[in-house]
């Protein structure tokens, strides 16, 4: 199983992805498929890669989005055509950007709708109501944080067959903590779509 993380921030803007690279061994590459013998070797050895096309700022957001869209589209289409013996998990970080800003919703709906056994897509979402409904229709394992948006609450509750009022009340009680770099981390509410199970994941 190979993991391919679609990461849209410019190099140096998110140290979390740098830490993930070190822990996972996933090389950070700017092109898809990865160029260079070393990058390809590291991807095979670690069973994955982080696709971060923006190694430096472009003149405009439009130009940056064009770079991201080109490389993301290549990764999505190649993953969908992966050999049966080499399945791939695509991780869209963040799905709102991928679906809307990069206009790749239709491309993402391929693995979301058809469910090929060789390609699945995990979606990280902050703005729930602006992404494809297939993100929710196909999700088996869901982790959510407190979200006061009523439309999002309704969508989330529909996935796991959970009462919306219960979901809101449970997420309101999630504990948060400010860490040394000033960012906030939080407990998450987990539910499984097919099993109607609820659990709180600790910090």
C-alpha atoms as a PDB file:
ATOM      1  CA  UNK A   1       0.000   0.000   0.000  1.00  0.00           C
ATOM      2  CA  UNK A   2       1.383   3.396  -1.031  1.00  0.00           C
ATOM      3  CA  UNK A   3       0.276   6.729   0.452  1.00  0.00           C
ATOM      4  CA  UNK A   4       0.302   9.943  -1.591  1.00  0.00           C
ATOM      5  CA  UNK A   5      -0.376  13.155   0.355  1.00  0.00           C
ATOM      6  CA  UNK A   6      -1.468  16.177  -1.689  1.00  0.00           C
ATOM      7  CA  UNK A   7      -0.106  19.165   0.237  1.00  0.00           C
ATOM      8  CA  UNK A   8      -0.739  22.648  -1.109  1.00  0.00           C
ATOM      9  CA  UNK A   9       1.321  24.961   1.087  1.00  0.00           C
ATOM     10  CA  UNK A  10       4.578  26.579   0.005  1.00  0.00           C
ATOM     11  CA  UNK A  11       7.785  25.077   1.360  1.00  0.00           C
ATOM     12  CA  UNK A  12       8.538  26.494   4.820  1.00  0.00           C
ATOM     13  CA  UNK A  13       4.927  27.465   5.593  1.00  0.00           C
ATOM     14  CA  UNK A  14       3.977  24.326   7.527  1.00  0.00           C
ATOM     15  CA  UNK A  15       6.503  22.561   9.739  1.00  0.00           C
ATOM     16  CA  UNK A  16       3.940  19.826  10.469  1.00  0.00           C
ATOM     17  CA  UNK A  17       4.483  18.373   7.011  1.00  0.00           C
ATOM     18  CA  UNK A  18       8.255  18.468   7.561  1.00  0.00           C
ATOM     19  CA  UNK A  19       7.833  16.505  10.787  1.00  0.00           C
ATOM     20  CA  UNK A  20       5.525  14.043   9.059  1.00  0.00           C
ATOM     21  CA  UNK A  21       8.154  13.497   6.377  1.00  0.00           C
ATOM     22  CA  UNK A  22      10.791  12.695   8.982  1.00  0.00           C
ATOM     23  CA  UNK A  23       8.560  10.364  10.991  1.00  0.00           C
ATOM     24  CA  UNK A  24       7.074   8.516   8.004  1.00  0.00           C
ATOM     25  CA  UNK A  25      10.119   8.562   5.775  1.00  0.00           C
ATOM     26  CA  UNK A  26       7.928   9.935   2.971  1.00  0.00           C
ATOM     27  CA  UNK A  27      10.030  12.092   0.640  1.00  0.00           C
ATOM     28  CA  UNK A  28       8.659  15.545  -0.247  1.00  0.00           C
ATOM     29  CA  UNK A  29       8.482  15.887  -4.033  1.00  0.00           C
ATOM     30  CA  UNK A  30       7.352  18.744  -6.264  1.00  0.00           C
ATOM     31  CA  UNK A  31       6.456  16.753  -9.400  1.00  0.00           C
ATOM     32  CA  UNK A  32       4.282  13.732 -10.072  1.00  0.00           C
ATOM     33  CA  UNK A  33       5.476  11.182 -10.787  1.00  0.00           C
ATOM     34  CA  UNK A  34       8.581  11.925  -8.672  1.00  0.00           C
ATOM     35  CA  UNK A  35      11.700  12.801 -10.625  1.00  0.00           C
ATOM     36  CA  UNK A  36      15.136  11.494  -9.858  1.00  0.00           C
ATOM     37  CA  UNK A  37      16.364   8.076  -8.827  1.00  0.00           C
ATOM     38  CA  UNK A  38      16.775   9.085  -5.173  1.00  0.00           C
ATOM     39  CA  UNK A  39      13.176  10.360  -4.798  1.00  0.00           C
ATOM     40  CA  UNK A  40      11.726   7.266  -6.481  1.00  0.00           C
ATOM     41  CA  UNK A  41      13.879   4.970  -4.346  1.00  0.00           C
ATOM     42  CA  UNK A  42      12.828   6.701  -1.114  1.00  0.00           C
ATOM     43  CA  UNK A  43       9.174   6.493  -2.127  1.00  0.00           C
ATOM     44  CA  UNK A  44       9.460   2.751  -2.754  1.00  0.00           C
ATOM     45  CA  UNK A  45      11.315   2.197   0.516  1.00  0.00           C
ATOM     46  CA  UNK A  46       8.865   4.222   2.642  1.00  0.00           C
ATOM     47  CA  UNK A  47       5.756   3.242   0.652  1.00  0.00           C
ATOM     48  CA  UNK A  48       4.648   6.802   0.068  1.00  0.00           C
ATOM     49  CA  UNK A  49       5.406  10.411  -0.736  1.00  0.00           C
ATOM     50  CA  UNK A  50       4.251  13.951   0.007  1.00  0.00           C
ATOM     51  CA  UNK A  51       3.451  15.920  -3.128  1.00  0.00           C
ATOM     52  CA  UNK A  52       4.182  19.583  -2.418  1.00  0.00           C
ATOM     53  CA  UNK A  53       4.363  21.321  -5.808  1.00  0.00           C
ATOM     54  CA  UNK A  54       4.994  24.827  -4.421  1.00  0.00           C
ATOM     55  CA  UNK A  55       8.661  24.988  -3.470  1.00  0.00           C
ATOM     56  CA  UNK A  56       8.579  28.793  -3.775  1.00  0.00           C
ATOM     57  CA  UNK A  57       5.900  31.512  -4.119  1.00  0.00           C
ATOM     58  CA  UNK A  58       4.572  32.394  -7.572  1.00  0.00           C
ATOM     59  CA  UNK A  59       3.596  35.894  -8.646  1.00  0.00           C
ATOM     60  CA  UNK A  60      -0.147  35.377  -8.163  1.00  0.00           C
ATOM     61  CA  UNK A  61      -2.528  32.959  -6.469  1.00  0.00           C
ATOM     62  CA  UNK A  62      -3.813  32.032  -9.924  1.00  0.00           C
ATOM     63  CA  UNK A  63      -0.318  30.923 -10.973  1.00  0.00           C
ATOM     64  CA  UNK A  64       0.154  28.964  -7.742  1.00  0.00           C
ATOM     65  CA  UNK A  65      -3.186  27.211  -8.229  1.00  0.00           C
ATOM     66  CA  UNK A  66      -2.246  26.318 -11.810  1.00  0.00           C
ATOM     67  CA  UNK A  67       0.918  24.573 -10.565  1.00  0.00           C
ATOM     68  CA  UNK A  68      -0.982  22.716  -7.840  1.00  0.00           C
ATOM     69  CA  UNK A  69      -3.806  21.680 -10.166  1.00  0.00           C
ATOM     70  CA  UNK A  70      -1.430  20.270 -12.775  1.00  0.00           C
ATOM     71  CA  UNK A  71       0.537  18.084 -10.353  1.00  0.00           C
ATOM     72  CA  UNK A  72      -2.487  17.041  -8.267  1.00  0.00           C
ATOM     73  CA  UNK A  73      -4.386  16.016 -11.393  1.00  0.00           C
ATOM     74  CA  UNK A  74      -1.450  13.896 -12.544  1.00  0.00           C
ATOM     75  CA  UNK A  75      -1.221  12.184  -9.134  1.00  0.00           C
ATOM     76  CA  UNK A  76      -4.976  11.521  -8.922  1.00  0.00           C
ATOM     77  CA  UNK A  77      -5.233  10.063 -12.416  1.00  0.00           C
ATOM     78  CA  UNK A  78      -2.121   7.914 -12.075  1.00  0.00           C
ATOM     79  CA  UNK A  79      -3.259   6.632  -8.682  1.00  0.00           C
ATOM     80  CA  UNK A  80      -6.626   5.670 -10.117  1.00  0.00           C
ATOM     81  CA  UNK A  81      -4.855   3.604 -12.788  1.00  0.00           C
ATOM     82  CA  UNK A  82      -2.503   1.884 -10.328  1.00  0.00           C
ATOM     83  CA  UNK A  83      -1.863  -1.859 -10.775  1.00  0.00           C
ATOM     84  CA  UNK A  84      -4.017  -4.134  -8.650  1.00  0.00           C
ATOM     85  CA  UNK A  85      -0.989  -5.372  -6.708  1.00  0.00           C
ATOM     86  CA  UNK A  86       0.102  -1.804  -5.839  1.00  0.00           C
ATOM     87  CA  UNK A  87      -2.896  -0.050  -4.219  1.00  0.00           C
ATOM     88  CA  UNK A  88      -2.693   3.644  -3.371  1.00  0.00           C
ATOM     89  CA  UNK A  89      -4.310   5.871  -0.749  1.00  0.00           C
ATOM     90  CA  UNK A  90      -4.605   9.517  -1.799  1.00  0.00           C
ATOM     91  CA  UNK A  91      -4.869  12.070   1.011  1.00  0.00           C
ATOM     92  CA  UNK A  92      -6.312  15.450   0.011  1.00  0.00           C
ATOM     93  CA  UNK A  93      -4.941  18.026   2.461  1.00  0.00           C
ATOM     94  CA  UNK A  94      -7.071  20.153   2.234  1.00  0.00           C
ATOM     95  CA  UNK A  95     -10.066  18.873   0.232  1.00  0.00           C
ATOM     96  CA  UNK A  96     -11.815  22.275   0.051  1.00  0.00           C
ATOM     97  CA  UNK A  97      -8.817  23.742  -1.768  1.00  0.00           C
ATOM     98  CA  UNK A  98      -8.527  20.719  -4.054  1.00  0.00           C
ATOM     99  CA  UNK A  99     -12.222  20.630  -4.980  1.00  0.00           C
ATOM    100  CA  UNK A 100     -12.898  24.368  -5.290  1.00  0.00           C
ATOM    101  CA  UNK A 101      -9.798  26.535  -5.668  1.00  0.00           C
ATOM    102  CA  UNK A 102      -8.094  24.025  -7.979  1.00  0.00           C
ATOM    103  CA  UNK A 103     -11.391  22.938  -9.598  1.00  0.00           C
ATOM    104  CA  UNK A 104     -10.550  19.249  -9.294  1.00  0.00           C
ATOM    105  CA  UNK A 105     -13.813  18.075  -7.738  1.00  0.00           C
ATOM    106  CA  UNK A 106     -14.713  15.937 -10.768  1.00  0.00           C
ATOM    107  CA  UNK A 107     -11.237  14.372 -10.767  1.00  0.00           C
ATOM    108  CA  UNK A 108     -11.508  13.532  -7.069  1.00  0.00           C
ATOM    109  CA  UNK A 109     -14.954  12.028  -7.532  1.00  0.00           C
ATOM    110  CA  UNK A 110     -13.438   9.208  -9.617  1.00  0.00           C
ATOM    111  CA  UNK A 111     -11.897   7.353  -6.665  1.00  0.00           C
ATOM    112  CA  UNK A 112     -14.676   8.581  -4.330  1.00  0.00           C
ATOM    113  CA  UNK A 113     -17.561   7.289  -6.464  1.00  0.00           C
ATOM    114  CA  UNK A 114     -16.274   4.177  -8.138  1.00  0.00           C
ATOM    115  CA  UNK A 115     -14.447   2.650  -5.218  1.00  0.00           C
ATOM    116  CA  UNK A 116     -11.729   0.893  -7.202  1.00  0.00           C
ATOM    117  CA  UNK A 117      -9.951  -1.458  -4.783  1.00  0.00           C
ATOM    118  CA  UNK A 118      -6.566  -0.113  -5.892  1.00  0.00           C
ATOM    119  CA  UNK A 119      -7.266   3.563  -5.139  1.00  0.00           C
ATOM    120  CA  UNK A 120      -9.021   5.224  -2.227  1.00  0.00           C
ATOM    121  CA  UNK A 121      -9.147   8.875  -1.204  1.00  0.00           C
ATOM    122  CA  UNK A 122      -9.047  10.324   2.286  1.00  0.00           C
ATOM    123  CA  UNK A 123     -10.231  13.921   2.615  1.00  0.00           C
ATOM    124  CA  UNK A 124      -9.174  16.439   5.265  1.00  0.00           C
ATOM    125  CA  UNK A 125     -11.882  19.090   5.414  1.00  0.00           C
ATOM    126  CA  UNK A 126     -12.283  22.371   7.280  1.00  0.00           C
ATOM    127  CA  UNK A 127     -15.154  23.804   5.222  1.00  0.00           C
ATOM    128  CA  UNK A 128     -17.474  20.844   5.040  1.00  0.00           C
ATOM    129  CA  UNK A 129     -20.372  22.140   2.989  1.00  0.00           C
ATOM    130  CA  UNK A 130     -18.303  23.201  -0.035  1.00  0.00           C
ATOM    131  CA  UNK A 131     -16.867  19.817  -0.987  1.00  0.00           C
ATOM    132  CA  UNK A 132     -18.384  16.956  -2.951  1.00  0.00           C
ATOM    133  CA  UNK A 133     -21.072  14.987  -1.147  1.00  0.00           C
ATOM    134  CA  UNK A 134     -19.173  11.850  -2.114  1.00  0.00           C
ATOM    135  CA  UNK A 135     -16.601  12.737   0.548  1.00  0.00           C
ATOM    136  CA  UNK A 136     -19.329  11.924   3.069  1.00  0.00           C
ATOM    137  CA  UNK A 137     -21.160   9.194   1.180  1.00  0.00           C
ATOM    138  CA  UNK A 138     -18.069   6.997   0.971  1.00  0.00           C
ATOM    139  CA  UNK A 139     -16.388   7.757   4.300  1.00  0.00           C
ATOM    140  CA  UNK A 140     -16.208   4.733   6.606  1.00  0.00           C
ATOM    141  CA  UNK A 141     -14.113   6.284   9.383  1.00  0.00           C
ATOM    142  CA  UNK A 142     -14.822   9.913  10.322  1.00  0.00           C
ATOM    143  CA  UNK A 143     -13.020  12.201  12.791  1.00  0.00           C
ATOM    144  CA  UNK A 144     -14.613  15.585  13.507  1.00  0.00           C
ATOM    145  CA  UNK A 145     -14.055  18.530  15.833  1.00  0.00           C
ATOM    146  CA  UNK A 146     -16.558  21.049  17.159  1.00  0.00           C
ATOM    147  CA  UNK A 147     -18.159  22.925  14.282  1.00  0.00           C
ATOM    148  CA  UNK A 148     -20.913  25.497  14.940  1.00  0.00           C
ATOM    149  CA  UNK A 149     -21.993  25.575  11.275  1.00  0.00           C
ATOM    150  CA  UNK A 150     -25.486  24.044  11.138  1.00  0.00           C
ATOM    151  CA  UNK A 151     -25.179  22.814   7.547  1.00  0.00           C
ATOM    152  CA  UNK A 152     -21.956  20.996   8.413  1.00  0.00           C
ATOM    153  CA  UNK A 153     -23.539  19.490  11.520  1.00  0.00           C
ATOM    154  CA  UNK A 154     -26.386  18.122   9.423  1.00  0.00           C
ATOM    155  CA  UNK A 155     -24.005  16.589   6.893  1.00  0.00           C
ATOM    156  CA  UNK A 156     -21.834  14.965   9.514  1.00  0.00           C
ATOM    157  CA  UNK A 157     -24.817  13.492  11.329  1.00  0.00           C
ATOM    158  CA  UNK A 158     -26.137  11.981   8.090  1.00  0.00           C
ATOM    159  CA  UNK A 159     -22.900  10.049   7.527  1.00  0.00           C
ATOM    160  CA  UNK A 160     -22.923   8.046  10.704  1.00  0.00           C
ATOM    161  CA  UNK A 161     -26.669   7.919  11.313  1.00  0.00           C
ATOM    162  CA  UNK A 162     -26.082  10.051  14.400  1.00  0.00           C
ATOM    163  CA  UNK A 163     -28.606  12.519  15.798  1.00  0.00           C
ATOM    164  CA  UNK A 164     -27.365  16.028  14.975  1.00  0.00           C
ATOM    165  CA  UNK A 165     -28.186  17.391  18.450  1.00  0.00           C
ATOM    166  CA  UNK A 166     -26.228  14.584  20.087  1.00  0.00           C
ATOM    167  CA  UNK A 167     -23.276  15.192  17.776  1.00  0.00           C
ATOM    168  CA  UNK A 168     -23.212  18.926  18.548  1.00  0.00           C
ATOM    169  CA  UNK A 169     -23.442  18.308  22.290  1.00  0.00           C
ATOM    170  CA  UNK A 170     -20.615  15.760  22.225  1.00  0.00           C
ATOM    171  CA  UNK A 171     -18.280  17.936  20.148  1.00  0.00           C
ATOM    172  CA  UNK A 172     -18.925  20.924  22.434  1.00  0.00           C
ATOM    173  CA  UNK A 173     -17.414  18.896  25.275  1.00  0.00           C
ATOM    174  CA  UNK A 174     -14.176  18.069  23.464  1.00  0.00           C
ATOM    175  CA  UNK A 175     -11.076  19.251  25.323  1.00  0.00           C
ATOM    176  CA  UNK A 176      -8.591  21.594  23.692  1.00  0.00           C
ATOM    177  CA  UNK A 177      -5.035  22.518  24.564  1.00  0.00           C
ATOM    178  CA  UNK A 178      -2.629  25.249  23.478  1.00  0.00           C
ATOM    179  CA  UNK A 179       0.827  23.870  22.676  1.00  0.00           C
ATOM    180  CA  UNK A 180       4.263  25.494  22.731  1.00  0.00           C
ATOM    181  CA  UNK A 181       4.110  26.923  19.199  1.00  0.00           C
ATOM    182  CA  UNK A 182       0.841  28.721  19.982  1.00  0.00           C
ATOM    183  CA  UNK A 183      -1.435  26.453  17.975  1.00  0.00           C
ATOM    184  CA  UNK A 184      -4.448  24.680  19.421  1.00  0.00           C
ATOM    185  CA  UNK A 185      -4.931  20.931  19.426  1.00  0.00           C
ATOM    186  CA  UNK A 186      -8.179  19.234  20.306  1.00  0.00           C
ATOM    187  CA  UNK A 187      -9.796  15.936  21.060  1.00  0.00           C
ATOM    188  CA  UNK A 188     -11.854  14.551  18.176  1.00  0.00           C
ATOM    189  CA  UNK A 189     -15.145  12.719  17.915  1.00  0.00           C
ATOM    190  CA  UNK A 190     -14.807   9.507  15.915  1.00  0.00           C
ATOM    191  CA  UNK A 191     -17.589   7.522  14.371  1.00  0.00           C
ATOM    192  CA  UNK A 192     -17.770   4.633  11.975  1.00  0.00           C
ATOM    193  CA  UNK A 193     -20.309   4.999   9.214  1.00  0.00           C
ATOM    194  CA  UNK A 194     -21.373   1.369   8.990  1.00  0.00           C
ATOM    195  CA  UNK A 195     -21.224   0.545  12.682  1.00  0.00           C
ATOM    196  CA  UNK A 196     -22.945   3.543  14.307  1.00  0.00           C
ATOM    197  CA  UNK A 197     -20.172   3.666  16.921  1.00  0.00           C
ATOM    198  CA  UNK A 198     -19.029   6.815  18.721  1.00  0.00           C
ATOM    199  CA  UNK A 199     -15.739   7.403  20.536  1.00  0.00           C
ATOM    200  CA  UNK A 200     -13.666  10.379  21.714  1.00  0.00           C
ATOM    201  CA  UNK A 201     -10.033  10.366  20.590  1.00  0.00           C
ATOM    202  CA  UNK A 202      -7.741  11.952  23.162  1.00  0.00           C
ATOM    203  CA  UNK A 203      -5.044  14.577  22.674  1.00  0.00           C
END
